[in-house]
Amino acid sequence: MEILKVAATSDPNAVAGAIAGALESSGIVEAHAIGAGAVNQAVKAIAIARRLIEREGEPEIKVVPGFIDVDIGGEAKTGVRFVIQR
């Protein structure tokens, strides 16, 4: 399973393309976002990816959000994990 790291500065259209590509190849992908801005960009990207996939006639995607704990520079951070699958 591919893991995409989404930042507050990520382009939602580029992330949406990566999500759609990963779903096409493996059927499941995770997007990890730490911080409000990153979560915002991830949610926008998922909405765009959903629209792209539906236009191709594919079935809707399923998104399961959850929390993750990540160690960044020796400091524990909590982020949001989106498991996206067909």
C-alpha atoms as a PDB file:
ATOM      1  CA  MET A   1       0.000   0.000   0.000  1.00  0.00           C
ATOM      2  CA  GLU A   2       1.305   3.408  -0.969  1.00  0.00           C
ATOM      3  CA  ILE A   3       1.481   6.167   1.649  1.00  0.00           C
ATOM      4  CA  LEU A   4       1.154   9.780   0.509  1.00  0.00           C
ATOM      5  CA  LYS A   5       2.354  12.539   2.809  1.00  0.00           C
ATOM      6  CA  VAL A   6       0.274  15.687   2.402  1.00  0.00           C
ATOM      7  CA  ALA A   7       1.588  19.081   3.538  1.00  0.00           C
ATOM      8  CA  ALA A   8      -0.170  22.408   3.957  1.00  0.00           C
ATOM      9  CA  THR A   9       1.642  23.556   0.806  1.00  0.00           C
ATOM     10  CA  SER A  10       0.672  20.495  -1.278  1.00  0.00           C
ATOM     11  CA  ASP A  11      -1.246  21.116  -4.506  1.00  0.00           C
ATOM     12  CA  PRO A  12      -4.608  19.324  -4.092  1.00  0.00           C
ATOM     13  CA  ASN A  13      -4.810  18.589  -7.824  1.00  0.00           C
ATOM     14  CA  ALA A  14      -1.403  16.880  -7.785  1.00  0.00           C
ATOM     15  CA  VAL A  15      -2.302  14.867  -4.685  1.00  0.00           C
ATOM     16  CA  ALA A  16      -5.631  13.907  -6.297  1.00  0.00           C
ATOM     17  CA  GLY A  17      -3.767  12.590  -9.330  1.00  0.00           C
ATOM     18  CA  ALA A  18      -1.473  10.571  -7.076  1.00  0.00           C
ATOM     19  CA  ILE A  19      -4.482   9.159  -5.207  1.00  0.00           C
ATOM     20  CA  ALA A  20      -6.242   8.203  -8.457  1.00  0.00           C
ATOM     21  CA  GLY A  21      -3.073   6.588  -9.812  1.00  0.00           C
ATOM     22  CA  ALA A  22      -2.476   4.603  -6.641  1.00  0.00           C
ATOM     23  CA  LEU A  23      -6.089   3.429  -6.561  1.00  0.00           C
ATOM     24  CA  GLU A  24      -5.795   2.317 -10.171  1.00  0.00           C
ATOM     25  CA  SER A  25      -2.666   0.278  -9.501  1.00  0.00           C
ATOM     26  CA  SER A  26      -3.347  -1.243  -6.072  1.00  0.00           C
ATOM     27  CA  GLY A  27      -6.920  -0.307  -5.119  1.00  0.00           C
ATOM     28  CA  ILE A  28      -5.904   1.216  -1.768  1.00  0.00           C
ATOM     29  CA  VAL A  29      -3.795   4.166  -0.629  1.00  0.00           C
ATOM     30  CA  GLU A  30      -3.154   6.069   2.602  1.00  0.00           C
ATOM     31  CA  ALA A  31      -2.801   9.832   2.918  1.00  0.00           C
ATOM     32  CA  HIS A  32      -1.097  11.182   6.040  1.00  0.00           C
ATOM     33  CA  ALA A  33      -1.525  14.820   7.103  1.00  0.00           C
ATOM     34  CA  ILE A  34      -0.142  16.624  10.150  1.00  0.00           C
ATOM     35  CA  GLY A  35      -1.658  20.005  10.989  1.00  0.00           C
ATOM     36  CA  ALA A  36      -4.862  21.770  10.054  1.00  0.00           C
ATOM     37  CA  GLY A  37      -3.561  23.096   6.742  1.00  0.00           C
ATOM     38  CA  ALA A  38      -2.356  19.683   5.639  1.00  0.00           C
ATOM     39  CA  VAL A  39      -5.657  18.047   6.604  1.00  0.00           C
ATOM     40  CA  ASN A  40      -7.484  20.720   4.602  1.00  0.00           C
ATOM     41  CA  GLN A  41      -5.381  20.020   1.503  1.00  0.00           C
ATOM     42  CA  ALA A  42      -5.845  16.257   1.931  1.00  0.00           C
ATOM     43  CA  VAL A  43      -9.633  16.550   2.147  1.00  0.00           C
ATOM     44  CA  LYS A  44      -9.711  18.764  -0.959  1.00  0.00           C
ATOM     45  CA  ALA A  45      -7.499  16.264  -2.807  1.00  0.00           C
ATOM     46  CA  ILE A  46      -9.760  13.358  -1.851  1.00  0.00           C
ATOM     47  CA  ALA A  47     -12.819  15.263  -3.118  1.00  0.00           C
ATOM     48  CA  ILE A  48     -11.068  16.020  -6.422  1.00  0.00           C
ATOM     49  CA  ALA A  49      -9.901  12.395  -6.766  1.00  0.00           C
ATOM     50  CA  ARG A  50     -13.444  11.189  -6.148  1.00  0.00           C
ATOM     51  CA  ARG A  51     -14.714  13.399  -8.958  1.00  0.00           C
ATOM     52  CA  LEU A  52     -11.963  12.154 -11.313  1.00  0.00           C
ATOM     53  CA  ILE A  53     -12.717   8.519 -10.548  1.00  0.00           C
ATOM     54  CA  GLU A  54     -16.482   8.934 -10.929  1.00  0.00           C
ATOM     55  CA  ARG A  55     -16.035  10.610 -14.332  1.00  0.00           C
ATOM     56  CA  GLU A  56     -14.180   7.505 -15.524  1.00  0.00           C
ATOM     57  CA  GLY A  57     -17.226   5.405 -14.641  1.00  0.00           C
ATOM     58  CA  GLU A  58     -15.528   3.685 -11.725  1.00  0.00           C
ATOM     59  CA  PRO A  59     -17.433   2.936  -8.523  1.00  0.00           C
ATOM     60  CA  GLU A  60     -17.261   5.399  -5.647  1.00  0.00           C
ATOM     61  CA  ILE A  61     -14.311   5.385  -3.305  1.00  0.00           C
ATOM     62  CA  LYS A  62     -14.447   4.662   0.409  1.00  0.00           C
ATOM     63  CA  VAL A  63     -12.520   6.880   2.844  1.00  0.00           C
ATOM     64  CA  VAL A  64     -11.832   5.917   6.464  1.00  0.00           C
ATOM     65  CA  PRO A  65     -10.218   8.654   8.584  1.00  0.00           C
ATOM     66  CA  GLY A  66      -8.241   7.965  11.728  1.00  0.00           C
ATOM     67  CA  PHE A  67      -5.413   9.272  13.872  1.00  0.00           C
ATOM     68  CA  ILE A  68      -1.714   8.393  13.688  1.00  0.00           C
ATOM     69  CA  ASP A  69       1.197   9.155  15.975  1.00  0.00           C
ATOM     70  CA  VAL A  70       4.373  10.197  14.166  1.00  0.00           C
ATOM     71  CA  ASP A  71       7.840  10.903  15.517  1.00  0.00           C
ATOM     72  CA  ILE A  72       9.278  14.007  13.851  1.00  0.00           C
ATOM     73  CA  GLY A  73      12.700  15.109  15.010  1.00  0.00           C
ATOM     74  CA  GLY A  74      12.327  13.295  18.309  1.00  0.00           C
ATOM     75  CA  GLU A  75       8.983  14.957  18.989  1.00  0.00           C
ATOM     76  CA  ALA A  76       5.705  13.007  18.980  1.00  0.00           C
ATOM     77  CA  LYS A  77       3.037  14.503  16.724  1.00  0.00           C
ATOM     78  CA  THR A  78      -0.535  13.414  16.090  1.00  0.00           C
ATOM     79  CA  GLY A  79      -1.780  13.445  12.517  1.00  0.00           C
ATOM     80  CA  VAL A  80      -4.761  12.318  10.506  1.00  0.00           C
ATOM     81  CA  ARG A  81      -4.615   9.193   8.356  1.00  0.00           C
ATOM     82  CA  PHE A  82      -7.055   8.709   5.484  1.00  0.00           C
ATOM     83  CA  VAL A  83      -7.350   5.157   4.153  1.00  0.00           C
ATOM     84  CA  ILE A  84      -8.789   5.455   0.650  1.00  0.00           C
ATOM     85  CA  GLN A  85      -9.966   2.417  -1.285  1.00  0.00           C
ATOM     86  CA  ARG A  86     -12.184   1.416  -4.153  1.00  0.00           C
END
